[in-house]
Amino acid sequence: MPVIPKISVGDTLELKKPHPCGTKKFTVLRIGSDIRIVCCGCGRDMTLERIKLEKAIKNIIPTEEHHDI
């Protein structure tokens, strides 16, 4: 059974193939059946199908959440 990656808004995704600008890192803006990401290099905004994006992910860098105590 395939493992479903846990993706949250604000996470940085490292993909297997680079964007034409040369970077492999993208920030998640919106999640759902489609996932909206923005390139960390050039700022290009894209909406991709969840299944296609999940196959392209190499690494997920979670958001640092700071909690005030």
C-alpha atoms as a PDB file:
ATOM      1  CA  MET A   1       0.000   0.000   0.000  1.00  0.00           C
ATOM      2  CA  PRO A   2       1.480   3.404  -0.978  1.00  0.00           C
ATOM      3  CA  VAL A   3       2.422   5.870   1.737  1.00  0.00           C
ATOM      4  CA  ILE A   4       0.477   9.148   1.595  1.00  0.00           C
ATOM      5  CA  PRO A   5       2.768  12.075   2.459  1.00  0.00           C
ATOM      6  CA  LYS A   6       1.529  14.550   5.091  1.00  0.00           C
ATOM      7  CA  ILE A   7       1.561  17.952   3.376  1.00  0.00           C
ATOM      8  CA  SER A   8       0.535  21.155   5.197  1.00  0.00           C
ATOM      9  CA  VAL A   9       0.221  24.783   4.127  1.00  0.00           C
ATOM     10  CA  GLY A  10       3.578  26.517   4.581  1.00  0.00           C
ATOM     11  CA  ASP A  11       5.686  23.365   4.123  1.00  0.00           C
ATOM     12  CA  THR A  12       8.604  23.467   1.697  1.00  0.00           C
ATOM     13  CA  LEU A  13       8.697  20.641  -0.834  1.00  0.00           C
ATOM     14  CA  GLU A  14      11.881  19.469  -2.527  1.00  0.00           C
ATOM     15  CA  LEU A  15      10.963  17.905  -5.857  1.00  0.00           C
ATOM     16  CA  LYS A  16      12.889  15.307  -7.876  1.00  0.00           C
ATOM     17  CA  LYS A  17      13.231  17.494 -10.979  1.00  0.00           C
ATOM     18  CA  PRO A  18      14.210  21.187 -10.944  1.00  0.00           C
ATOM     19  CA  HIS A  19      11.991  24.032 -12.147  1.00  0.00           C
ATOM     20  CA  PRO A  20      13.316  25.776 -15.324  1.00  0.00           C
ATOM     21  CA  CYS A  21      14.778  28.527 -13.093  1.00  0.00           C
ATOM     22  CA  GLY A  22      17.044  25.894 -11.468  1.00  0.00           C
ATOM     23  CA  THR A  23      15.589  25.421  -7.973  1.00  0.00           C
ATOM     24  CA  LYS A  24      13.918  22.260  -6.660  1.00  0.00           C
ATOM     25  CA  LYS A  25      12.186  23.900  -3.668  1.00  0.00           C
ATOM     26  CA  PHE A  26       8.555  25.010  -3.577  1.00  0.00           C
ATOM     27  CA  THR A  27       6.321  26.379  -0.796  1.00  0.00           C
ATOM     28  CA  VAL A  28       2.774  25.039  -0.332  1.00  0.00           C
ATOM     29  CA  LEU A  29       0.085  27.756  -0.498  1.00  0.00           C
ATOM     30  CA  ARG A  30      -3.135  25.681  -0.604  1.00  0.00           C
ATOM     31  CA  ILE A  31      -4.025  22.015  -0.242  1.00  0.00           C
ATOM     32  CA  GLY A  32      -6.995  19.957  -1.409  1.00  0.00           C
ATOM     33  CA  SER A  33      -7.540  17.656  -4.392  1.00  0.00           C
ATOM     34  CA  ASP A  34      -5.234  20.119  -6.179  1.00  0.00           C
ATOM     35  CA  ILE A  35      -2.207  21.624  -4.430  1.00  0.00           C
ATOM     36  CA  ARG A  36      -1.043  25.184  -5.088  1.00  0.00           C
ATOM     37  CA  ILE A  37       2.708  25.750  -4.796  1.00  0.00           C
ATOM     38  CA  VAL A  38       5.045  28.650  -5.449  1.00  0.00           C
ATOM     39  CA  CYS A  39       8.655  28.328  -6.642  1.00  0.00           C
ATOM     40  CA  CYS A  40      11.218  29.473  -4.049  1.00  0.00           C
ATOM     41  CA  GLY A  41      13.560  30.624  -6.837  1.00  0.00           C
ATOM     42  CA  CYS A  42      11.510  32.702  -9.272  1.00  0.00           C
ATOM     43  CA  GLY A  43       8.130  33.004  -7.507  1.00  0.00           C
ATOM     44  CA  ARG A  44       6.134  31.183 -10.204  1.00  0.00           C
ATOM     45  CA  ASP A  45       2.716  30.092  -8.886  1.00  0.00           C
ATOM     46  CA  MET A  46       1.381  26.656  -9.958  1.00  0.00           C
ATOM     47  CA  THR A  47      -1.600  24.435  -9.197  1.00  0.00           C
ATOM     48  CA  LEU A  48      -0.964  20.704  -9.600  1.00  0.00           C
ATOM     49  CA  GLU A  49      -3.051  17.580  -9.069  1.00  0.00           C
ATOM     50  CA  ARG A  50      -2.289  16.027  -5.664  1.00  0.00           C
ATOM     51  CA  ILE A  51      -1.442  12.603  -7.156  1.00  0.00           C
ATOM     52  CA  LYS A  52       1.044  14.044  -9.684  1.00  0.00           C
ATOM     53  CA  LEU A  53       2.704  16.223  -7.043  1.00  0.00           C
ATOM     54  CA  GLU A  54       2.985  13.363  -4.507  1.00  0.00           C
ATOM     55  CA  LYS A  55       4.913  11.299  -7.104  1.00  0.00           C
ATOM     56  CA  ALA A  56       7.310  14.215  -7.735  1.00  0.00           C
ATOM     57  CA  ILE A  57       8.202  14.883  -4.077  1.00  0.00           C
ATOM     58  CA  LYS A  58      11.702  13.946  -2.917  1.00  0.00           C
ATOM     59  CA  ASN A  59      11.571  15.530   0.567  1.00  0.00           C
ATOM     60  CA  ILE A  60       9.131  17.518   2.736  1.00  0.00           C
ATOM     61  CA  ILE A  61      10.564  20.237   4.994  1.00  0.00           C
ATOM     62  CA  PRO A  62       7.868  21.005   7.594  1.00  0.00           C
ATOM     63  CA  THR A  63       6.986  24.526   8.714  1.00  0.00           C
ATOM     64  CA  GLU A  64       8.572  25.698  11.943  1.00  0.00           C
ATOM     65  CA  GLU A  65       5.655  26.502  14.206  1.00  0.00           C
ATOM     66  CA  HIS A  66       6.461  28.752  17.152  1.00  0.00           C
ATOM     67  CA  HIS A  67       4.174  28.525  20.154  1.00  0.00           C
ATOM     68  CA  ASP A  68       4.190  31.277  22.761  1.00  0.00           C
ATOM     69  CA  ILE A  69       3.988  29.889  26.286  1.00  0.00           C
END
